[in-house]
Amino acid sequence: MKIATFNINGIKARLPRLLEWLDEERPSIACLQEIKTQDEGFPAEEFEKIGYQAIWHGQKSFNGVAILADGTKPVEVMRGLPGDPEDEQSRYLEAEVFGLRVCCLYLPNGNPQPGPKFEYKLAWMKRLQARMRQVLAEEVPAIVLGDFNVVPEDKDIWSPRALADDALMQPESRDAYARILADGWTDAIDRLNPRGGVWTFWDYQAGAWQRDHGFRIDHLLLSPELADRLVAAGVDKHQRSKEKASDHAPAWVQLRPE
């Protein structure tokens, strides 16, 4: 089973690339971030044409997440991250798919920092950890995946100096991510690439793609029940080179049957 995450950076603008990728790679489950559309504008029928069913949590012009499954409809468990009734941003969607708990997220960027946006990011990560602890307590095979907007370590970026002042690399952001892992989650790409050097994002500016000036912010975290089934993990880097591509590339894990 292949499970993937893809920050699509606008589902309407990238729909041809997204459909092409789904057809080529055929992940069993695909989680999307930054769909940037209201619920009624989500192109569900286009995915149905190639055999995928979806649930989604949209927002006008910003944010938005979706879970697609090959040949079956994801069963929604939770829409929106609990812990702040005033938070209206569409950043979290949880479902049951193929006997797995799938938690799709788009974590706040946090820039500029310091400031309210960075405080919101850290508060959101605290809420996320609380929810992930609840999922762990259920002892179900689970995967939490998406754009975390955190570069975990210096080995996960082409040049640590380049983003030294960015919210993605602040000690508080990294510590919050490390605390999540310490609860018992496995960072799949890091486990299989312990030396780092794997990127999932290349900015549109300053020739970042052409110079391979990227970093890793899209993560797939496995519960202990799934970590034992991990076969492979990687990034479909070639997708970033295509015309009208997202600035992210899809990241994925391959799991053996139970």
Foldseek 3Di string as FASTA:
>chain_A
DKEKEEAFQACVLCVVLVVVVCVVPVGQKYKYKFNQPQPVPDPQVVVVVVQKGKDWHYDHRGIIMMMIGGNDHWAWDDFDQDDDPVDPHRFWTWTADPQEIEIEGDQQLQPPPPDDSVVSRLVVLVSVLVVVLVVLVVVGWYKYWYQSNAQQDCLFFPGCVVCVNGSNYDPSSNVSVVVSVVSAKDFLVCVVVVSHPAFFFADPPDCRLVVVGGGHRITMITHPVFVVFWDDKHWPSVSCVDPSGDRGTMIMTDGDDD
